[in-house]
Amino acid sequence: MANRSKNKQQKRVRSLMPRSQMPLRTLMVSMTVMCYLACLAIGALVLITRAVNDWSSEIAGEVTVQVRPSDDVKMSEKLTVIAAILDKTAGVSSYEILDKQAGAKLLEPWLGNADILDQLPVPRLVAVSIDQKALPDFVLLESELKAKVTGASLDTHRRWQAELTRMGDSLVWLGVGVLILITASAIALVIFASRTALDANRQVVEVLHLVGASDPFIARQVQWQFLRAGLQSGLAGVLVGMATFVLLGISSGGPASSGLADASYGLLIGAPEVTSVTYLLFLLVPIVATFLCLVAARLAILRILSNAD
């Protein structure tokens, strides 16, 4: 009987600030959109980080030897010397001598598939796979290639790797900035909604003051409504965000979009080391949204009530 009476009393206290009278509908819709955008930003950050790491690993695991044709030495002889040098170089796992068409294909985006490519001195390429645990001495290898083979040069792709890493870092910081803006907007929205909630229930607040209710007591009647709104909005935003990545993953429209589709699908259904991080980050969204709504609403309400006194 005592517990039933206590529950009725708590229910009566909570009804002092009925949810239907509070401006939570607009807050919940806006918070759901913000949580959805936060999920998209988090997913984009994970995709960018994975792509940069994969591309960097591919670039770091291979170097290229370029051989310009010359009149004094036949290309076959140059390639034979290069093969001998690579065979005795420590740290070289394997290599592949590409045909002349491979170099021409690299020039097609700029020159087109024209007959002029057959008349140009297109360099021959040798793709060299290296052991990343025991890297070869690139300086020594390049000097030996230049000394023994006319027109040979070594491209370690380190400049492209640095540019790719720099671009990836910039995109990551951009995503972090977007998340910070979303968080700041959510805090401002909660503060505005808290003020509106007190204005809509000003008569109730005045009656509570007359009967001796303290400001923390009044704040508790309002803050739990915001806590519930933040939790529901966060969960809704996360579910819609996850559905977006799943739909993006299964809606590959062609070869150009298949890479993005596979990556998006792999965020939620893929390797455990990737999906575990993704689910953990997505789980933080409703937790942070609930915490922001609770803390921001309480602080705003207490400040408003203290200023009103």
Protein backbone atom coordinates (compact mmCIF):
# COMPACT_ATOMS: atom_id res chain seq x y z
CA MET A 1 0.00 0.00 0.00
CA ALA A 2 2.82 2.39 0.86
CA ASN A 3 4.54 1.74 -2.49
CA ARG A 4 1.27 2.23 -4.39
CA SER A 5 0.66 5.55 -2.59
CA LYS A 6 4.21 6.64 -3.31
CA ASN A 7 3.85 5.80 -7.01
CA LYS A 8 0.61 7.77 -7.24
CA GLN A 9 2.31 10.73 -5.57
CA GLN A 10 5.24 10.58 -8.00
CA LYS A 11 2.84 10.35 -10.94
CA ARG A 12 0.95 13.38 -9.63
CA VAL A 13 4.19 15.33 -9.25
CA ARG A 14 5.31 14.48 -12.77
CA SER A 15 1.97 15.65 -14.15
CA LEU A 16 2.70 19.15 -12.87
CA MET A 17 4.55 19.66 -16.13
CA PRO A 18 2.47 17.59 -18.55
CA ARG A 19 4.31 16.59 -21.66
CA SER A 20 1.46 17.66 -23.92
CA GLN A 21 1.84 21.25 -22.78
CA MET A 22 5.56 21.40 -23.30
CA PRO A 23 7.11 22.40 -26.66
CA LEU A 24 8.87 19.06 -27.04
CA ARG A 25 7.50 18.06 -30.41
CA THR A 26 9.59 20.61 -32.28
CA LEU A 27 12.59 19.78 -30.08
CA MET A 28 12.27 16.05 -30.80
CA VAL A 29 11.99 16.56 -34.55
CA SER A 30 15.00 18.90 -34.60
CA MET A 31 17.06 16.64 -32.33
CA THR A 32 16.21 13.62 -34.49
CA VAL A 33 17.48 15.46 -37.57
CA MET A 34 20.64 16.51 -35.74
CA CYS A 35 21.30 12.98 -34.51
CA TYR A 36 20.73 11.72 -38.04
CA LEU A 37 23.26 14.23 -39.41
CA ALA A 38 25.67 13.24 -36.65
CA CYS A 39 25.37 9.59 -37.72
CA LEU A 40 26.06 10.55 -41.32
CA ALA A 41 29.12 12.54 -40.24
CA ILE A 42 30.39 9.66 -38.09
CA GLY A 43 29.85 7.17 -40.91
CA ALA A 44 31.65 9.47 -43.34
CA LEU A 45 34.58 9.79 -40.92
CA VAL A 46 34.86 6.00 -40.64
CA LEU A 47 34.68 5.59 -44.42
CA ILE A 48 37.31 8.28 -45.02
CA THR A 49 39.65 6.82 -42.40
CA ARG A 50 39.31 3.32 -43.85
CA ALA A 51 39.81 4.53 -47.42
CA VAL A 52 42.90 6.56 -46.56
CA ASN A 53 44.43 3.68 -44.60
CA ASP A 54 43.75 1.20 -47.40
CA TRP A 55 45.12 3.48 -50.10
CA SER A 56 48.16 4.38 -48.02
CA SER A 57 48.89 0.69 -47.43
CA GLU A 58 48.64 -0.02 -51.15
CA ILE A 59 50.89 2.92 -52.03
CA ALA A 60 53.40 2.07 -49.32
CA GLY A 61 53.59 -1.54 -50.47
CA GLU A 62 54.69 -0.80 -54.03
CA VAL A 63 57.22 1.32 -55.93
CA THR A 64 57.60 1.86 -59.64
CA VAL A 65 60.67 1.80 -61.86
CA GLN A 66 60.33 3.92 -65.00
CA VAL A 67 62.55 3.39 -68.02
CA ARG A 68 62.62 5.96 -70.81
CA PRO A 69 63.44 4.54 -74.25
CA SER A 70 66.70 5.58 -75.90
CA ASP A 71 68.38 4.89 -79.21
CA ASP A 72 71.67 3.55 -77.90
CA VAL A 73 70.36 0.61 -75.85
CA LYS A 74 67.46 -1.68 -76.59
CA MET A 75 64.58 -1.70 -74.10
CA SER A 76 64.81 -5.46 -73.60
CA GLU A 77 68.41 -5.14 -72.47
CA LYS A 78 67.48 -2.37 -70.01
CA LEU A 79 64.70 -4.44 -68.55
CA THR A 80 67.04 -7.42 -68.17
CA VAL A 81 69.51 -5.31 -66.17
CA ILE A 82 66.69 -3.90 -64.01
CA ALA A 83 65.43 -7.40 -63.31
CA ALA A 84 68.91 -8.47 -62.21
CA ILE A 85 69.18 -5.48 -59.88
CA LEU A 86 65.77 -6.13 -58.32
CA ASP A 87 66.55 -9.84 -57.86
CA LYS A 88 69.50 -9.08 -55.60
CA THR A 89 67.93 -6.14 -53.74
CA ALA A 90 66.91 -6.96 -50.17
CA GLY A 91 63.32 -5.99 -49.31
CA VAL A 92 61.91 -6.58 -52.81
CA SER A 93 59.15 -9.19 -52.60
CA SER A 94 58.29 -9.40 -56.28
CA TYR A 95 58.15 -7.34 -59.44
CA GLU A 96 56.27 -7.30 -62.72
CA ILE A 97 57.48 -5.83 -66.00
CA LEU A 98 54.47 -4.12 -67.56
CA ASP A 99 54.01 -3.97 -71.30
CA LYS A 100 54.05 -0.77 -73.33
CA GLN A 101 50.24 -0.56 -73.39
CA ALA A 102 50.18 -0.21 -69.61
CA GLY A 103 52.05 3.07 -69.80
CA ALA A 104 49.88 4.26 -72.67
CA LYS A 105 46.72 3.63 -70.66
CA LEU A 106 47.98 5.97 -67.97
CA LEU A 107 48.19 8.75 -70.56
CA GLU A 108 44.77 8.12 -72.11
CA PRO A 109 42.85 10.36 -69.65
CA TRP A 110 44.94 13.33 -70.83
CA LEU A 111 45.79 12.48 -74.45
CA GLY A 112 42.91 10.18 -75.31
CA ASN A 113 43.07 6.86 -77.07
CA ALA A 114 44.80 8.25 -80.11
CA ASP A 115 47.31 6.80 -82.54
CA ILE A 116 49.80 9.43 -81.43
CA LEU A 117 50.52 7.37 -78.32
CA ASP A 118 52.16 4.72 -80.47
CA GLN A 119 54.55 7.34 -81.85
CA LEU A 120 55.53 8.82 -78.48
CA PRO A 121 58.46 7.50 -76.38
CA VAL A 122 56.24 6.14 -73.64
CA PRO A 123 58.32 4.90 -70.69
CA ARG A 124 58.18 1.24 -69.69
CA LEU A 125 57.07 0.52 -66.15
CA VAL A 126 58.13 -2.09 -63.65
CA ALA A 127 55.79 -2.56 -60.67
CA VAL A 128 57.81 -3.58 -57.63
CA SER A 129 56.20 -5.01 -54.48
CA ILE A 130 58.22 -4.41 -51.34
CA ASP A 131 58.31 -5.96 -47.90
CA GLN A 132 56.94 -3.30 -45.54
CA LYS A 133 58.53 -5.03 -42.56
CA ALA A 134 62.00 -4.80 -44.13
CA LEU A 135 62.05 -1.89 -46.55
CA PRO A 136 64.81 -1.75 -49.15
CA ASP A 137 67.34 1.05 -49.29
CA PHE A 138 65.57 3.28 -51.83
CA VAL A 139 68.49 5.70 -52.14
CA LEU A 140 70.92 2.90 -52.92
CA LEU A 141 68.45 1.22 -55.29
CA GLU A 142 67.81 4.43 -57.21
CA SER A 143 71.49 5.24 -57.52
CA GLU A 144 72.25 1.74 -58.80
CA LEU A 145 69.42 1.90 -61.34
CA LYS A 146 70.58 5.26 -62.67
CA ALA A 147 74.21 4.12 -62.83
CA LYS A 148 73.55 0.90 -64.74
CA VAL A 149 70.45 1.74 -66.81
CA THR A 150 70.19 4.84 -68.95
CA GLY A 151 66.90 6.66 -68.47
CA ALA A 152 65.84 4.66 -65.39
CA SER A 153 64.25 6.32 -62.36
CA LEU A 154 62.58 5.13 -59.16
CA ASP A 155 59.22 6.46 -57.96
CA THR A 156 58.51 5.53 -54.33
CA HIS A 157 55.08 7.27 -54.32
CA ARG A 158 55.96 8.84 -50.97
CA ARG A 159 54.85 12.28 -52.15
CA TRP A 160 51.45 10.94 -53.19
CA GLN A 161 51.14 9.10 -49.91
CA ALA A 162 51.85 12.29 -47.97
CA GLU A 163 49.31 14.22 -50.06
CA LEU A 164 46.71 11.52 -49.53
CA THR A 165 47.31 11.48 -45.80
CA ARG A 166 47.10 15.27 -45.65
CA MET A 167 43.82 15.26 -47.56
CA GLY A 168 42.40 12.54 -45.32
CA ASP A 169 43.37 14.47 -42.19
CA SER A 170 41.69 17.60 -43.56
CA LEU A 171 38.47 15.69 -44.25
CA VAL A 172 38.56 14.14 -40.78
CA TRP A 173 38.94 17.54 -39.13
CA LEU A 174 36.11 18.83 -41.32
CA GLY A 175 33.89 16.02 -40.06
CA VAL A 176 34.87 16.75 -36.46
CA GLY A 177 33.98 20.40 -37.04
CA VAL A 178 30.56 19.37 -38.35
CA LEU A 179 29.97 17.28 -35.22
CA ILE A 180 30.96 20.22 -33.02
CA LEU A 181 28.53 22.51 -34.86
CA ILE A 182 25.75 19.93 -34.50
CA THR A 183 26.44 19.67 -30.76
CA ALA A 184 26.45 23.46 -30.32
CA SER A 185 23.19 23.74 -32.26
CA ALA A 186 21.61 21.03 -30.12
CA ILE A 187 22.60 22.83 -26.91
CA ALA A 188 21.17 26.12 -28.18
CA LEU A 189 17.96 24.34 -29.19
CA VAL A 190 17.55 22.73 -25.76
CA ILE A 191 18.10 26.06 -24.02
CA PHE A 192 15.50 27.73 -26.22
CA ALA A 193 13.04 24.88 -25.65
CA SER A 194 13.60 25.07 -21.88
CA ARG A 195 12.78 28.76 -21.82
CA THR A 196 9.70 28.15 -23.96
CA ALA A 197 8.60 25.32 -21.67
CA LEU A 198 8.75 27.56 -18.60
CA ASP A 199 6.92 30.35 -20.39
CA ALA A 200 4.17 27.93 -21.44
CA ASN A 201 3.83 26.70 -17.86
CA ARG A 202 4.42 30.00 -16.07
CA GLN A 203 1.21 29.71 -14.05
CA VAL A 204 2.19 26.27 -12.86
CA VAL A 205 5.63 27.56 -11.88
CA GLU A 206 4.12 30.46 -9.94
CA VAL A 207 1.77 28.12 -8.07
CA LEU A 208 4.67 25.84 -7.21
CA HIS A 209 6.59 28.82 -5.86
CA LEU A 210 3.61 29.85 -3.75
CA VAL A 211 3.36 26.44 -2.11
CA GLY A 212 7.08 26.53 -1.30
CA ALA A 213 8.58 24.46 -4.11
CA SER A 214 12.28 25.11 -4.64
CA ASP A 215 13.91 25.85 -7.98
CA PRO A 216 15.71 22.45 -8.11
CA PHE A 217 12.36 20.72 -7.53
CA ILE A 218 10.76 22.62 -10.43
CA ALA A 219 13.78 21.94 -12.63
CA ARG A 220 13.45 18.21 -12.00
CA GLN A 221 9.84 18.26 -13.21
CA VAL A 222 11.00 19.67 -16.55
CA GLN A 223 14.39 18.06 -17.08
CA TRP A 224 13.10 14.48 -17.18
CA GLN A 225 10.84 15.41 -20.04
CA PHE A 226 13.90 16.65 -21.93
CA LEU A 227 15.83 13.52 -20.99
CA ARG A 228 13.12 11.35 -22.52
CA ALA A 229 12.97 13.56 -25.59
CA GLY A 230 16.75 13.37 -26.05
CA LEU A 231 16.80 9.58 -25.70
CA GLN A 232 13.95 9.02 -28.15
CA SER A 233 15.36 11.51 -30.64
CA GLY A 234 18.81 9.97 -30.44
CA LEU A 235 17.53 6.45 -31.01
CA ALA A 236 15.34 7.57 -33.91
CA GLY A 237 18.20 9.48 -35.54
CA VAL A 238 20.56 6.51 -35.21
CA LEU A 239 18.04 4.08 -36.68
CA VAL A 240 17.39 6.34 -39.66
CA GLY A 241 21.14 6.88 -40.13
CA MET A 242 21.84 3.13 -40.08
CA ALA A 243 19.01 2.56 -42.53
CA THR A 244 20.55 5.17 -44.83
CA PHE A 245 23.90 3.38 -44.94
CA VAL A 246 22.19 0.02 -45.51
CA LEU A 247 20.11 1.42 -48.37
CA LEU A 248 23.20 3.06 -49.82
CA GLY A 249 25.01 -0.26 -49.59
CA ILE A 250 22.35 -2.27 -51.40
CA SER A 251 21.56 0.33 -54.06
CA SER A 252 24.69 0.13 -56.17
CA GLY A 253 23.70 1.64 -59.49
CA GLY A 254 26.86 0.78 -61.42
CA PRO A 255 30.61 0.22 -61.29
CA ALA A 256 31.28 3.83 -60.31
CA SER A 257 29.14 3.57 -57.18
CA SER A 258 29.96 -0.03 -56.25
CA GLY A 259 33.01 0.98 -54.19
CA LEU A 260 31.05 3.44 -52.07
CA ALA A 261 28.15 1.00 -51.80
CA ASP A 262 30.38 -1.83 -50.60
CA ALA A 263 32.11 0.46 -48.11
CA SER A 264 28.79 1.77 -46.77
CA TYR A 265 27.38 -1.74 -46.45
CA GLY A 266 30.57 -2.85 -44.71
CA LEU A 267 30.07 -0.26 -41.97
CA LEU A 268 27.21 -2.27 -40.47
CA ILE A 269 27.62 -5.73 -42.00
CA GLY A 270 31.25 -6.56 -42.53
CA ALA A 271 34.46 -7.25 -40.68
CA PRO A 272 34.02 -7.26 -36.87
CA GLU A 273 36.90 -4.84 -36.34
CA VAL A 274 35.04 -2.28 -38.48
CA THR A 275 31.44 -2.90 -37.44
CA SER A 276 32.29 -2.93 -33.73
CA VAL A 277 33.78 0.56 -33.96
CA THR A 278 30.85 1.79 -36.07
CA TYR A 279 28.20 0.46 -33.70
CA LEU A 280 30.06 1.88 -30.71
CA LEU A 281 30.21 5.34 -32.27
CA PHE A 282 26.56 5.17 -33.29
CA LEU A 283 25.62 4.10 -29.76
CA LEU A 284 27.29 7.23 -28.41
CA VAL A 285 24.87 9.44 -30.37
CA PRO A 286 21.72 8.78 -28.25
CA ILE A 287 23.83 8.77 -25.08
CA VAL A 288 25.31 12.17 -25.90
CA ALA A 289 21.92 13.49 -27.04
CA THR A 290 20.30 12.39 -23.77
CA PHE A 291 23.11 13.85 -21.69
CA LEU A 292 22.99 17.16 -23.55
CA CYS A 293 19.23 17.46 -23.16
CA LEU A 294 19.38 16.64 -19.45
CA VAL A 295 22.30 18.86 -18.48
CA ALA A 296 21.52 21.80 -20.79
CA ALA A 297 17.83 21.82 -19.79
CA ARG A 298 18.58 21.70 -16.07
CA LEU A 299 21.20 24.44 -16.17
CA ALA A 300 19.02 26.64 -18.38
CA ILE A 301 15.95 26.18 -16.21
CA LEU A 302 17.81 26.87 -12.97
CA ARG A 303 19.31 30.02 -14.45
CA ILE A 304 15.94 31.22 -15.72
CA LEU A 305 14.28 30.55 -12.37
CA SER A 306 17.06 32.29 -10.45
CA ASN A 307 16.81 35.35 -12.69
CA ALA A 308 13.03 35.37 -12.31
CA ASP A 309 13.36 35.39 -8.53
